[in-house]
Amino acid sequence: MLTYLSYMCQTRIPKQLYERDEHECTVLEVKVIEGLGTTIDVVLVNGLLKVQDTIVLQGFNGPIVT
């Protein structure tokens, strides 16, 4: 259902879709993977992330900047 909804939004109403300067996301899980280090699973609501972008998250011991 989500795939169909995304397809319809991208093909039927592309002029009504827009990208905002503000990013919004929900953090689902933070875990440590051997060989990769700490990884974060998120759902990105608005925006577009690219390589070399800076991400700031709220952690238990203050902000996390990566």
PDB file of N, CA and C in Angstrom:
ATOM      1  N   MET A   1       0.815  -1.185   0.000  1.00  0.00           N
ATOM      2  CA  MET A   1       0.000   0.000   0.000  1.00  0.00           C
ATOM      3  C   MET A   1       0.872   1.268   0.000  1.00  0.00           C
ATOM      4  N   LEU A   2       1.941   1.239   0.814  1.00  0.00           N
ATOM      5  CA  LEU A   2       2.824   2.410   0.855  1.00  0.00           C
ATOM      6  C   LEU A   2       3.563   2.603  -0.460  1.00  0.00           C
ATOM      7  N   THR A   3       3.952   1.511  -1.084  1.00  0.00           N
ATOM      8  CA  THR A   3       4.627   1.604  -2.380  1.00  0.00           C
ATOM      9  C   THR A   3       3.698   2.210  -3.422  1.00  0.00           C
ATOM     10  N   TYR A   4       2.466   1.770  -3.430  1.00  0.00           N
ATOM     11  CA  TYR A   4       1.489   2.300  -4.387  1.00  0.00           C
ATOM     12  C   TYR A   4       1.229   3.777  -4.120  1.00  0.00           C
ATOM     13  N   LEU A   5       1.084   4.155  -2.862  1.00  0.00           N
ATOM     14  CA  LEU A   5       0.854   5.557  -2.513  1.00  0.00           C
ATOM     15  C   LEU A   5       2.033   6.426  -2.952  1.00  0.00           C
ATOM     16  N   SER A   6       3.265   5.956  -2.714  1.00  0.00           N
ATOM     17  CA  SER A   6       4.450   6.702  -3.148  1.00  0.00           C
ATOM     18  C   SER A   6       4.495   6.826  -4.665  1.00  0.00           C
ATOM     19  N   TYR A   7       4.202   5.737  -5.350  1.00  0.00           N
ATOM     20  CA  TYR A   7       4.196   5.760  -6.815  1.00  0.00           C
ATOM     21  C   TYR A   7       3.173   6.762  -7.343  1.00  0.00           C
ATOM     22  N   MET A   8       1.968   6.738  -6.793  1.00  0.00           N
ATOM     23  CA  MET A   8       0.922   7.654  -7.252  1.00  0.00           C
ATOM     24  C   MET A   8       1.297   9.110  -6.990  1.00  0.00           C
ATOM     25  N   CYS A   9       1.882   9.373  -5.830  1.00  0.00           N
ATOM     26  CA  CYS A   9       2.287  10.747  -5.508  1.00  0.00           C
ATOM     27  C   CYS A   9       3.390  11.239  -6.439  1.00  0.00           C
ATOM     28  N   GLN A  10       4.317  10.362  -6.797  1.00  0.00           N
ATOM     29  CA  GLN A  10       5.435  10.765  -7.636  1.00  0.00           C
ATOM     30  C   GLN A  10       5.060  10.880  -9.103  1.00  0.00           C
ATOM     31  N   THR A  11       4.032  10.163  -9.550  1.00  0.00           N
ATOM     32  CA  THR A  11       3.676  10.197 -10.969  1.00  0.00           C
ATOM     33  C   THR A  11       2.480  11.087 -11.260  1.00  0.00           C
ATOM     34  N   ARG A  12       1.561  11.202 -10.342  1.00  0.00           N
ATOM     35  CA  ARG A  12       0.335  11.963 -10.600  1.00  0.00           C
ATOM     36  C   ARG A  12       0.416  13.424 -10.173  1.00  0.00           C
ATOM     37  N   ILE A  13       1.111  13.685  -9.084  1.00  0.00           N
ATOM     38  CA  ILE A  13       1.141  15.064  -8.574  1.00  0.00           C
ATOM     39  C   ILE A  13       2.567  15.553  -8.288  1.00  0.00           C
ATOM     40  N   PRO A  14       3.506  15.375  -9.225  1.00  0.00           N
ATOM     41  CA  PRO A  14       4.886  15.775  -8.924  1.00  0.00           C
ATOM     42  C   PRO A  14       5.058  17.279  -8.741  1.00  0.00           C
ATOM     43  N   LYS A  15       4.210  18.083  -9.345  1.00  0.00           N
ATOM     44  CA  LYS A  15       4.346  19.534  -9.201  1.00  0.00           C
ATOM     45  C   LYS A  15       3.920  19.991  -7.817  1.00  0.00           C
ATOM     46  N   GLN A  16       3.114  19.197  -7.123  1.00  0.00           N
ATOM     47  CA  GLN A  16       2.665  19.565  -5.788  1.00  0.00           C
ATOM     48  C   GLN A  16       3.636  19.093  -4.702  1.00  0.00           C
ATOM     49  N   LEU A  17       4.565  18.220  -5.064  1.00  0.00           N
ATOM     50  CA  LEU A  17       5.577  17.768  -4.123  1.00  0.00           C
ATOM     51  C   LEU A  17       6.729  18.761  -4.120  1.00  0.00           C
ATOM     52  N   TYR A  18       7.270  19.028  -2.966  1.00  0.00           N
ATOM     53  CA  TYR A  18       8.374  19.967  -2.874  1.00  0.00           C
ATOM     54  C   TYR A  18       9.312  19.544  -1.752  1.00  0.00           C
ATOM     55  N   GLU A  19      10.516  20.054  -1.805  1.00  0.00           N
ATOM     56  CA  GLU A  19      11.530  19.761  -0.811  1.00  0.00           C
ATOM     57  C   GLU A  19      11.712  20.978   0.081  1.00  0.00           C
ATOM     58  N   ARG A  20      11.690  20.765   1.373  1.00  0.00           N
ATOM     59  CA  ARG A  20      11.870  21.865   2.308  1.00  0.00           C
ATOM     60  C   ARG A  20      13.320  21.952   2.761  1.00  0.00           C
ATOM     61  N   ASP A  21      13.698  23.118   3.244  1.00  0.00           N
ATOM     62  CA  ASP A  21      15.051  23.294   3.768  1.00  0.00           C
ATOM     63  C   ASP A  21      15.210  22.601   5.119  1.00  0.00           C
ATOM     64  N   GLU A  22      14.118  22.464   5.866  1.00  0.00           N
ATOM     65  CA  GLU A  22      14.166  21.824   7.181  1.00  0.00           C
ATOM     66  C   GLU A  22      13.990  20.319   7.032  1.00  0.00           C
ATOM     67  N   HIS A  23      14.836  19.571   7.713  1.00  0.00           N
ATOM     68  CA  HIS A  23      14.747  18.122   7.681  1.00  0.00           C
ATOM     69  C   HIS A  23      13.989  17.643   8.910  1.00  0.00           C
ATOM     70  N   GLU A  24      13.179  16.648   8.745  1.00  0.00           N
ATOM     71  CA  GLU A  24      12.488  16.025   9.865  1.00  0.00           C
ATOM     72  C   GLU A  24      12.678  14.526   9.750  1.00  0.00           C
ATOM     73  N   CYS A  25      13.005  13.893  10.866  1.00  0.00           N
ATOM     74  CA  CYS A  25      13.124  12.437  10.843  1.00  0.00           C
ATOM     75  C   CYS A  25      12.817  11.884  12.227  1.00  0.00           C
ATOM     76  N   THR A  26      12.522  10.602  12.264  1.00  0.00           N
ATOM     77  CA  THR A  26      12.267   9.891  13.504  1.00  0.00           C
ATOM     78  C   THR A  26      13.327   8.811  13.646  1.00  0.00           C
ATOM     79  N   VAL A  27      13.999   8.792  14.790  1.00  0.00           N
ATOM     80  CA  VAL A  27      15.017   7.781  15.045  1.00  0.00           C
ATOM     81  C   VAL A  27      14.312   6.521  15.526  1.00  0.00           C
ATOM     82  N   LEU A  28      14.549   5.415  14.826  1.00  0.00           N
ATOM     83  CA  LEU A  28      13.938   4.145  15.195  1.00  0.00           C
ATOM     84  C   LEU A  28      14.832   3.332  16.120  1.00  0.00           C
ATOM     85  N   GLU A  29      16.125   3.284  15.807  1.00  0.00           N
ATOM     86  CA  GLU A  29      17.008   2.411  16.564  1.00  0.00           C
ATOM     87  C   GLU A  29      18.450   2.888  16.443  1.00  0.00           C
ATOM     88  N   VAL A  30      19.171   2.783  17.542  1.00  0.00           N
ATOM     89  CA  VAL A  30      20.613   3.059  17.556  1.00  0.00           C
ATOM     90  C   VAL A  30      21.283   1.765  17.995  1.00  0.00           C
ATOM     91  N   LYS A  31      22.226   1.275  17.187  1.00  0.00           N
ATOM     92  CA  LYS A  31      22.886   0.011  17.516  1.00  0.00           C
ATOM     93  C   LYS A  31      24.339   0.061  17.063  1.00  0.00           C
ATOM     94  N   VAL A  32      25.140  -0.819  17.655  1.00  0.00           N
ATOM     95  CA  VAL A  32      26.550  -0.933  17.292  1.00  0.00           C
ATOM     96  C   VAL A  32      26.706  -2.193  16.452  1.00  0.00           C
ATOM     97  N   ILE A  33      27.216  -2.018  15.230  1.00  0.00           N
ATOM     98  CA  ILE A  33      27.457  -3.142  14.330  1.00  0.00           C
ATOM     99  C   ILE A  33      28.960  -3.314  14.189  1.00  0.00           C
ATOM    100  N   GLU A  34      29.423  -4.531  14.429  1.00  0.00           N
ATOM    101  CA  GLU A  34      30.849  -4.814  14.355  1.00  0.00           C
ATOM    102  C   GLU A  34      31.363  -4.544  12.945  1.00  0.00           C
ATOM    103  N   GLY A  35      32.396  -3.746  12.841  1.00  0.00           N
ATOM    104  CA  GLY A  35      32.968  -3.387  11.548  1.00  0.00           C
ATOM    105  C   GLY A  35      32.456  -2.053  11.021  1.00  0.00           C
ATOM    106  N   LEU A  36      31.253  -1.640  11.424  1.00  0.00           N
ATOM    107  CA  LEU A  36      30.695  -0.352  10.992  1.00  0.00           C
ATOM    108  C   LEU A  36      30.663   0.678  12.112  1.00  0.00           C
ATOM    109  N   GLY A  37      30.586   0.219  13.339  1.00  0.00           N
ATOM    110  CA  GLY A  37      30.474   1.128  14.471  1.00  0.00           C
ATOM    111  C   GLY A  37      29.018   1.387  14.798  1.00  0.00           C
ATOM    112  N   THR A  38      28.735   2.546  15.345  1.00  0.00           N
ATOM    113  CA  THR A  38      27.369   2.902  15.719  1.00  0.00           C
ATOM    114  C   THR A  38      26.566   3.267  14.486  1.00  0.00           C
ATOM    115  N   THR A  39      25.421   2.645  14.321  1.00  0.00           N
ATOM    116  CA  THR A  39      24.526   2.944  13.202  1.00  0.00           C
ATOM    117  C   THR A  39      23.179   3.385  13.741  1.00  0.00           C
ATOM    118  N   ILE A  40      22.507   4.210  12.985  1.00  0.00           N
ATOM    119  CA  ILE A  40      21.214   4.757  13.392  1.00  0.00           C
ATOM    120  C   ILE A  40      20.216   4.503  12.280  1.00  0.00           C
ATOM    121  N   ASP A  41      19.092   3.875  12.620  1.00  0.00           N
ATOM    122  CA  ASP A  41      18.008   3.658  11.666  1.00  0.00           C
ATOM    123  C   ASP A  41      16.994   4.774  11.852  1.00  0.00           C
ATOM    124  N   VAL A  42      16.698   5.506  10.778  1.00  0.00           N
ATOM    125  CA  VAL A  42      15.764   6.627  10.860  1.00  0.00           C
ATOM    126  C   VAL A  42      14.751   6.557   9.724  1.00  0.00           C
ATOM    127  N   VAL A  43      13.634   7.251   9.916  1.00  0.00           N
ATOM    128  CA  VAL A  43      12.659   7.467   8.852  1.00  0.00           C
ATOM    129  C   VAL A  43      12.716   8.951   8.533  1.00  0.00           C
ATOM    130  N   LEU A  44      13.152   9.280   7.318  1.00  0.00           N
ATOM    131  CA  LEU A  44      13.288  10.668   6.888  1.00  0.00           C
ATOM    132  C   LEU A  44      11.959  11.145   6.336  1.00  0.00           C
ATOM    133  N   VAL A  45      11.396  12.199   6.937  1.00  0.00           N
ATOM    134  CA  VAL A  45      10.090  12.710   6.535  1.00  0.00           C
ATOM    135  C   VAL A  45      10.240  13.806   5.486  1.00  0.00           C
ATOM    136  N   ASN A  46      11.060  14.785   5.757  1.00  0.00           N
ATOM    137  CA  ASN A  46      11.291  15.893   4.829  1.00  0.00           C
ATOM    138  C   ASN A  46      12.774  16.003   4.546  1.00  0.00           C
ATOM    139  N   GLY A  47      13.105  16.370   3.330  1.00  0.00           N
ATOM    140  CA  GLY A  47      14.485  16.649   2.988  1.00  0.00           C
ATOM    141  C   GLY A  47      15.171  15.520   2.252  1.00  0.00           C
ATOM    142  N   LEU A  48      16.455  15.726   2.026  1.00  0.00           N
ATOM    143  CA  LEU A  48      17.275  14.796   1.281  1.00  0.00           C
ATOM    144  C   LEU A  48      18.658  14.784   1.923  1.00  0.00           C
ATOM    145  N   LEU A  49      19.120  13.623   2.335  1.00  0.00           N
ATOM    146  CA  LEU A  49      20.447  13.504   2.927  1.00  0.00           C
ATOM    147  C   LEU A  49      21.431  13.069   1.860  1.00  0.00           C
ATOM    148  N   LYS A  50      22.608  13.669   1.900  1.00  0.00           N
ATOM    149  CA  LYS A  50      23.666  13.354   0.946  1.00  0.00           C
ATOM    150  C   LYS A  50      24.926  12.986   1.714  1.00  0.00           C
ATOM    151  N   VAL A  51      25.877  12.386   1.029  1.00  0.00           N
ATOM    152  CA  VAL A  51      27.174  12.081   1.634  1.00  0.00           C
ATOM    153  C   VAL A  51      27.813  13.390   2.067  1.00  0.00           C
ATOM    154  N   GLN A  52      28.457  13.399   3.216  1.00  0.00           N
ATOM    155  CA  GLN A  52      29.135  14.553   3.809  1.00  0.00           C
ATOM    156  C   GLN A  52      28.189  15.523   4.508  1.00  0.00           C
ATOM    157  N   ASP A  53      26.885  15.222   4.598  1.00  0.00           N
ATOM    158  CA  ASP A  53      25.969  16.062   5.372  1.00  0.00           C
ATOM    159  C   ASP A  53      26.241  15.872   6.862  1.00  0.00           C
ATOM    160  N   THR A  54      26.030  16.919   7.642  1.00  0.00           N
ATOM    161  CA  THR A  54      26.182  16.849   9.089  1.00  0.00           C
ATOM    162  C   THR A  54      24.821  16.578   9.702  1.00  0.00           C
ATOM    163  N   ILE A  55      24.785  15.616  10.631  1.00  0.00           N
ATOM    164  CA  ILE A  55      23.545  15.244  11.307  1.00  0.00           C
ATOM    165  C   ILE A  55      23.733  15.493  12.795  1.00  0.00           C
ATOM    166  N   VAL A  56      22.738  16.092  13.444  1.00  0.00           N
ATOM    167  CA  VAL A  56      22.778  16.342  14.883  1.00  0.00           C
ATOM    168  C   VAL A  56      21.579  15.640  15.512  1.00  0.00           C
ATOM    169  N   LEU A  57      21.859  14.803  16.522  1.00  0.00           N
ATOM    170  CA  LEU A  57      20.831  14.051  17.225  1.00  0.00           C
ATOM    171  C   LEU A  57      20.922  14.325  18.707  1.00  0.00           C
ATOM    172  N   GLN A  58      19.821  14.178  19.403  1.00  0.00           N
ATOM    173  CA  GLN A  58      19.815  14.291  20.846  1.00  0.00           C
ATOM    174  C   GLN A  58      20.193  12.957  21.461  1.00  0.00           C
ATOM    175  N   GLY A  59      21.222  12.923  22.285  1.00  0.00           N
ATOM    176  CA  GLY A  59      21.649  11.704  22.951  1.00  0.00           C
ATOM    177  C   GLY A  59      21.396  11.802  24.447  1.00  0.00           C
ATOM    178  N   PHE A  60      21.662  10.710  25.174  1.00  0.00           N
ATOM    179  CA  PHE A  60      21.481  10.712  26.626  1.00  0.00           C
ATOM    180  C   PHE A  60      22.471  11.619  27.321  1.00  0.00           C
ATOM    181  N   ASN A  61      23.662  11.781  26.750  1.00  0.00           N
ATOM    182  CA  ASN A  61      24.712  12.611  27.340  1.00  0.00           C
ATOM    183  C   ASN A  61      24.944  13.893  26.570  1.00  0.00           C
ATOM    184  N   GLY A  62      23.908  14.425  25.922  1.00  0.00           N
ATOM    185  CA  GLY A  62      24.040  15.642  25.149  1.00  0.00           C
ATOM    186  C   GLY A  62      23.915  15.370  23.662  1.00  0.00           C
ATOM    187  N   PRO A  63      24.115  16.395  22.840  1.00  0.00           N
ATOM    188  CA  PRO A  63      23.945  16.231  21.393  1.00  0.00           C
ATOM    189  C   PRO A  63      25.024  15.343  20.781  1.00  0.00           C
ATOM    190  N   ILE A  64      24.628  14.616  19.735  1.00  0.00           N
ATOM    191  CA  ILE A  64      25.535  13.782  18.957  1.00  0.00           C
ATOM    192  C   ILE A  64      25.645  14.412  17.572  1.00  0.00           C
ATOM    193  N   VAL A  65      26.854  14.772  17.178  1.00  0.00           N
ATOM    194  CA  VAL A  65      27.095  15.387  15.877  1.00  0.00           C
ATOM    195  C   VAL A  65      27.885  14.410  15.038  1.00  0.00           C
ATOM    196  N   THR A  66      27.398  14.108  13.865  1.00  0.00           N
ATOM    197  CA  THR A  66      28.107  13.194  12.981  1.00  0.00           C
ATOM    198  C   THR A  66      28.021  13.684  11.550  1.00  0.00           C
TER     199      THR A  66
END
